[in-house]
Amino acid sequence: MEKNNNDYNEVYKGITRIIKTKEKDKDVWFAVIGNTIVSRGTFNTKEECLNDLEKTDYEQICKIALAVTTALKDYKPKKVKEV
């Protein structure tokens, strides 16, 4: 689990991040790969968000494939200082 500007950030099944944040003073959950949202909107609970991810259909698979491709294209490894 990682804390940052969001209230909660967790890795789910390797590459998907589940994020909880505030929207109009209400907690909402959504899923992202890289910088692309792959859930079908925002959800009131983490369980609803995870259930949405598990319902795979053609549109969902295309969203995930596009998100992975975009993340790979935009990936820039961090330079490591030599010791």
C-alpha atoms as a PDB file:
ATOM      1  CA  MET A   1       0.000   0.000   0.000  1.00  0.00           C
ATOM      2  CA  GLU A   2       1.261   3.447  -0.897  1.00  0.00           C
ATOM      3  CA  LYS A   3       0.108   6.764   0.529  1.00  0.00           C
ATOM      4  CA  ASN A   4       0.233   9.894  -1.632  1.00  0.00           C
ATOM      5  CA  ASN A   5      -2.290  12.541  -2.744  1.00  0.00           C
ATOM      6  CA  ASN A   6      -4.903   9.787  -2.822  1.00  0.00           C
ATOM      7  CA  ASP A   7      -6.281   8.257   0.345  1.00  0.00           C
ATOM      8  CA  TYR A   8      -5.373   4.705  -0.698  1.00  0.00           C
ATOM      9  CA  ASN A   9      -3.370   3.087  -3.498  1.00  0.00           C
ATOM     10  CA  GLU A  10      -2.957  -0.701  -3.836  1.00  0.00           C
ATOM     11  CA  VAL A  11      -1.556  -2.958  -6.568  1.00  0.00           C
ATOM     12  CA  TYR A  12      -4.085  -5.535  -7.762  1.00  0.00           C
ATOM     13  CA  LYS A  13      -3.046  -8.598  -9.789  1.00  0.00           C
ATOM     14  CA  GLY A  14       0.334  -7.227 -10.776  1.00  0.00           C
ATOM     15  CA  ILE A  15      -0.178  -4.102 -12.887  1.00  0.00           C
ATOM     16  CA  THR A  16      -3.553  -2.647 -11.940  1.00  0.00           C
ATOM     17  CA  ARG A  17      -3.725  -0.088  -9.153  1.00  0.00           C
ATOM     18  CA  ILE A  18      -6.877   0.326  -7.069  1.00  0.00           C
ATOM     19  CA  ILE A  19      -7.223   3.911  -5.883  1.00  0.00           C
ATOM     20  CA  LYS A  20      -9.512   5.480  -3.286  1.00  0.00           C
ATOM     21  CA  THR A  21      -9.912   9.223  -3.339  1.00  0.00           C
ATOM     22  CA  LYS A  22     -12.523  11.900  -2.647  1.00  0.00           C
ATOM     23  CA  GLU A  23     -15.085  13.135  -5.159  1.00  0.00           C
ATOM     24  CA  LYS A  24     -17.424  15.845  -3.883  1.00  0.00           C
ATOM     25  CA  ASP A  25     -16.580  14.928  -0.248  1.00  0.00           C
ATOM     26  CA  LYS A  26     -17.424  11.255  -0.898  1.00  0.00           C
ATOM     27  CA  ASP A  27     -14.981   8.316  -1.012  1.00  0.00           C
ATOM     28  CA  VAL A  28     -14.776   6.723  -4.466  1.00  0.00           C
ATOM     29  CA  TRP A  29     -12.765   3.805  -5.848  1.00  0.00           C
ATOM     30  CA  PHE A  30     -11.427   3.236  -9.366  1.00  0.00           C
ATOM     31  CA  ALA A  31      -8.764   1.188 -11.153  1.00  0.00           C
ATOM     32  CA  VAL A  32      -5.863   2.371 -13.311  1.00  0.00           C
ATOM     33  CA  ILE A  33      -3.024   0.913 -15.337  1.00  0.00           C
ATOM     34  CA  GLY A  34      -0.281   3.480 -15.782  1.00  0.00           C
ATOM     35  CA  ASN A  35      -2.170   6.759 -16.164  1.00  0.00           C
ATOM     36  CA  THR A  36      -5.256   5.226 -17.823  1.00  0.00           C
ATOM     37  CA  ILE A  37      -8.468   4.459 -15.937  1.00  0.00           C
ATOM     38  CA  VAL A  38      -9.559   0.895 -16.721  1.00  0.00           C
ATOM     39  CA  SER A  39     -12.588   0.558 -14.454  1.00  0.00           C
ATOM     40  CA  ARG A  40     -16.039   1.438 -15.790  1.00  0.00           C
ATOM     41  CA  GLY A  41     -16.286   4.585 -13.667  1.00  0.00           C
ATOM     42  CA  THR A  42     -16.035   5.179  -9.939  1.00  0.00           C
ATOM     43  CA  PHE A  43     -17.495   2.975  -7.224  1.00  0.00           C
ATOM     44  CA  ASN A  44     -18.602   3.431  -3.612  1.00  0.00           C
ATOM     45  CA  THR A  45     -16.613   0.461  -2.284  1.00  0.00           C
ATOM     46  CA  LYS A  46     -13.395  -1.368  -3.106  1.00  0.00           C
ATOM     47  CA  GLU A  47     -15.351  -4.611  -3.550  1.00  0.00           C
ATOM     48  CA  GLU A  48     -17.611  -3.023  -6.209  1.00  0.00           C
ATOM     49  CA  CYS A  49     -14.518  -1.818  -8.068  1.00  0.00           C
ATOM     50  CA  LEU A  50     -12.888  -5.262  -7.942  1.00  0.00           C
ATOM     51  CA  ASN A  51     -16.116  -6.944  -9.091  1.00  0.00           C
ATOM     52  CA  ASP A  52     -16.207  -4.554 -12.049  1.00  0.00           C
ATOM     53  CA  LEU A  53     -12.663  -5.533 -13.031  1.00  0.00           C
ATOM     54  CA  GLU A  54     -13.537  -9.224 -12.883  1.00  0.00           C
ATOM     55  CA  LYS A  55     -16.423  -8.797 -15.370  1.00  0.00           C
ATOM     56  CA  THR A  56     -14.416  -9.045 -18.553  1.00  0.00           C
ATOM     57  CA  ASP A  57     -15.967  -8.235 -21.876  1.00  0.00           C
ATOM     58  CA  TYR A  58     -14.561  -7.032 -25.177  1.00  0.00           C
ATOM     59  CA  GLU A  59     -14.654  -3.343 -24.193  1.00  0.00           C
ATOM     60  CA  GLN A  60     -12.864  -4.014 -20.890  1.00  0.00           C
ATOM     61  CA  ILE A  61     -10.173  -6.124 -22.584  1.00  0.00           C
ATOM     62  CA  CYS A  62      -9.565  -3.356 -25.150  1.00  0.00           C
ATOM     63  CA  LYS A  63      -9.283  -0.738 -22.367  1.00  0.00           C
ATOM     64  CA  ILE A  64      -6.733  -2.863 -20.522  1.00  0.00           C
ATOM     65  CA  ALA A  65      -4.726  -3.609 -23.684  1.00  0.00           C
ATOM     66  CA  LEU A  66      -4.629   0.086 -24.590  1.00  0.00           C
ATOM     67  CA  ALA A  67      -3.607   1.046 -21.039  1.00  0.00           C
ATOM     68  CA  VAL A  68      -0.769  -1.508 -21.003  1.00  0.00           C
ATOM     69  CA  THR A  69       0.457  -0.390 -24.439  1.00  0.00           C
ATOM     70  CA  THR A  70       0.367   3.271 -23.413  1.00  0.00           C
ATOM     71  CA  ALA A  71       2.184   2.547 -20.140  1.00  0.00           C
ATOM     72  CA  LEU A  72       4.918   0.651 -22.002  1.00  0.00           C
ATOM     73  CA  LYS A  73       5.255   3.403 -24.616  1.00  0.00           C
ATOM     74  CA  ASP A  74       5.524   6.118 -21.964  1.00  0.00           C
ATOM     75  CA  TYR A  75       7.838   4.161 -19.641  1.00  0.00           C
ATOM     76  CA  LYS A  76      11.149   5.860 -18.916  1.00  0.00           C
ATOM     77  CA  PRO A  77      13.484   4.018 -16.554  1.00  0.00           C
ATOM     78  CA  LYS A  78      15.000   6.078 -13.774  1.00  0.00           C
ATOM     79  CA  LYS A  79      18.717   6.705 -14.117  1.00  0.00           C
ATOM     80  CA  VAL A  80      20.757   5.133 -11.355  1.00  0.00           C
ATOM     81  CA  LYS A  81      23.723   7.020  -9.974  1.00  0.00           C
ATOM     82  CA  GLU A  82      26.991   5.182 -10.299  1.00  0.00           C
ATOM     83  CA  VAL A  83      28.762   4.520  -7.020  1.00  0.00           C
END
